[in-house]
Amino acid sequence: MTEPQPPAVRIVRGAPDEVELAALVAGLVAAAPGVEDEVTAGAHRWANPAHLLRGPDAWRPGPDAWRWSLRA
């Protein structure tokens, strides 16, 4: 079995009512980074043109750089 996780939020002083706790949780959820859905989760990787280059030395400046760009 897995060990139980400690609570993400702990009230150390006071006795908040349900409305105050709901406002706190809503604020924490709004401040959390967004989660990508399954469709767009990896889009930034395949759309990156750097994957077309073959290796770190694929770019060679010079007059024939365009000719050798995909032959590295």
C-alpha atoms as a PDB file:
ATOM      1  CA  MET A   1       0.000   0.000   0.000  1.00  0.00           C
ATOM      2  CA  THR A   2       1.029   3.580  -0.488  1.00  0.00           C
ATOM      3  CA  GLU A   3       1.539   5.882   2.425  1.00  0.00           C
ATOM      4  CA  PRO A   4      -1.102   8.568   2.937  1.00  0.00           C
ATOM      5  CA  GLN A   5      -0.106  12.005   1.690  1.00  0.00           C
ATOM      6  CA  PRO A   6      -0.021  14.884   4.163  1.00  0.00           C
ATOM      7  CA  PRO A   7      -2.785  17.443   3.669  1.00  0.00           C
ATOM      8  CA  ALA A   8      -2.024  20.174   1.143  1.00  0.00           C
ATOM      9  CA  VAL A   9      -3.550  22.864   3.373  1.00  0.00           C
ATOM     10  CA  ARG A  10      -3.563  22.902   7.140  1.00  0.00           C
ATOM     11  CA  ILE A  11      -5.427  25.397   9.313  1.00  0.00           C
ATOM     12  CA  VAL A  12      -3.143  26.312  12.209  1.00  0.00           C
ATOM     13  CA  ARG A  13      -5.230  28.945  13.923  1.00  0.00           C
ATOM     14  CA  GLY A  14      -8.875  29.924  13.985  1.00  0.00           C
ATOM     15  CA  ALA A  15     -12.009  28.076  12.988  1.00  0.00           C
ATOM     16  CA  PRO A  16     -13.022  28.922   9.410  1.00  0.00           C
ATOM     17  CA  ASP A  17     -16.547  28.098   8.326  1.00  0.00           C
ATOM     18  CA  GLU A  18     -17.469  26.281   5.103  1.00  0.00           C
ATOM     19  CA  VAL A  19     -17.690  29.468   3.031  1.00  0.00           C
ATOM     20  CA  GLU A  20     -14.227  30.622   4.066  1.00  0.00           C
ATOM     21  CA  LEU A  21     -12.726  27.210   3.311  1.00  0.00           C
ATOM     22  CA  ALA A  22     -14.465  27.161  -0.068  1.00  0.00           C
ATOM     23  CA  ALA A  23     -13.025  30.597  -0.883  1.00  0.00           C
ATOM     24  CA  LEU A  24      -9.545  29.437   0.133  1.00  0.00           C
ATOM     25  CA  VAL A  25      -9.749  26.307  -2.007  1.00  0.00           C
ATOM     26  CA  ALA A  26     -11.103  28.284  -4.971  1.00  0.00           C
ATOM     27  CA  GLY A  27      -8.209  30.724  -4.678  1.00  0.00           C
ATOM     28  CA  LEU A  28      -5.646  27.924  -4.526  1.00  0.00           C
ATOM     29  CA  VAL A  29      -7.145  26.193  -7.559  1.00  0.00           C
ATOM     30  CA  ALA A  30      -7.179  29.457  -9.521  1.00  0.00           C
ATOM     31  CA  ALA A  31      -3.526  30.120  -8.657  1.00  0.00           C
ATOM     32  CA  ALA A  32      -2.385  26.609  -9.629  1.00  0.00           C
ATOM     33  CA  PRO A  33      -0.762  26.159 -13.034  1.00  0.00           C
ATOM     34  CA  GLY A  34      -3.086  24.936 -15.747  1.00  0.00           C
ATOM     35  CA  VAL A  35      -3.149  21.289 -16.733  1.00  0.00           C
ATOM     36  CA  GLU A  36      -2.956  20.470 -20.433  1.00  0.00           C
ATOM     37  CA  ASP A  37      -5.534  18.139 -21.845  1.00  0.00           C
ATOM     38  CA  GLU A  38      -4.501  14.925 -23.605  1.00  0.00           C
ATOM     39  CA  VAL A  39      -4.931  16.361 -27.089  1.00  0.00           C
ATOM     40  CA  THR A  40      -2.514  19.288 -26.698  1.00  0.00           C
ATOM     41  CA  ALA A  41      -0.177  17.812 -24.066  1.00  0.00           C
ATOM     42  CA  GLY A  42       2.702  17.081 -26.462  1.00  0.00           C
ATOM     43  CA  ALA A  43       1.959  19.579 -29.217  1.00  0.00           C
ATOM     44  CA  HIS A  44       4.857  21.838 -28.310  1.00  0.00           C
ATOM     45  CA  ARG A  45       7.310  18.969 -28.832  1.00  0.00           C
ATOM     46  CA  TRP A  46       6.316  17.882 -32.322  1.00  0.00           C
ATOM     47  CA  ALA A  47       5.719  21.453 -33.483  1.00  0.00           C
ATOM     48  CA  ASN A  48       9.261  22.505 -32.561  1.00  0.00           C
ATOM     49  CA  PRO A  49      11.339  22.887 -35.753  1.00  0.00           C
ATOM     50  CA  ALA A  50      14.534  21.954 -33.870  1.00  0.00           C
ATOM     51  CA  HIS A  51      13.687  18.270 -34.240  1.00  0.00           C
ATOM     52  CA  LEU A  52      14.415  18.598 -37.971  1.00  0.00           C
ATOM     53  CA  LEU A  53      18.098  19.187 -37.268  1.00  0.00           C
ATOM     54  CA  ARG A  54      20.207  16.085 -36.875  1.00  0.00           C
ATOM     55  CA  GLY A  55      22.581  16.462 -33.971  1.00  0.00           C
ATOM     56  CA  PRO A  56      24.228  19.480 -32.371  1.00  0.00           C
ATOM     57  CA  ASP A  57      26.539  20.100 -35.337  1.00  0.00           C
ATOM     58  CA  ALA A  58      23.847  19.932 -38.019  1.00  0.00           C
ATOM     59  CA  TRP A  59      24.029  23.665 -38.609  1.00  0.00           C
ATOM     60  CA  ARG A  60      27.183  24.631 -40.440  1.00  0.00           C
ATOM     61  CA  PRO A  61      27.411  28.265 -41.486  1.00  0.00           C
ATOM     62  CA  GLY A  62      28.690  28.872 -44.966  1.00  0.00           C
ATOM     63  CA  PRO A  63      27.597  29.215 -48.581  1.00  0.00           C
ATOM     64  CA  ASP A  64      26.414  25.574 -48.830  1.00  0.00           C
ATOM     65  CA  ALA A  65      24.724  25.363 -45.412  1.00  0.00           C
ATOM     66  CA  TRP A  66      21.309  24.887 -46.983  1.00  0.00           C
ATOM     67  CA  ARG A  67      22.608  21.917 -48.959  1.00  0.00           C
ATOM     68  CA  TRP A  68      24.020  20.053 -45.951  1.00  0.00           C
ATOM     69  CA  SER A  69      21.336  20.966 -43.419  1.00  0.00           C
ATOM     70  CA  LEU A  70      19.567  17.580 -43.613  1.00  0.00           C
ATOM     71  CA  ARG A  71      22.603  15.385 -44.312  1.00  0.00           C
ATOM     72  CA  ALA A  72      24.310  15.554 -40.941  1.00  0.00           C
END
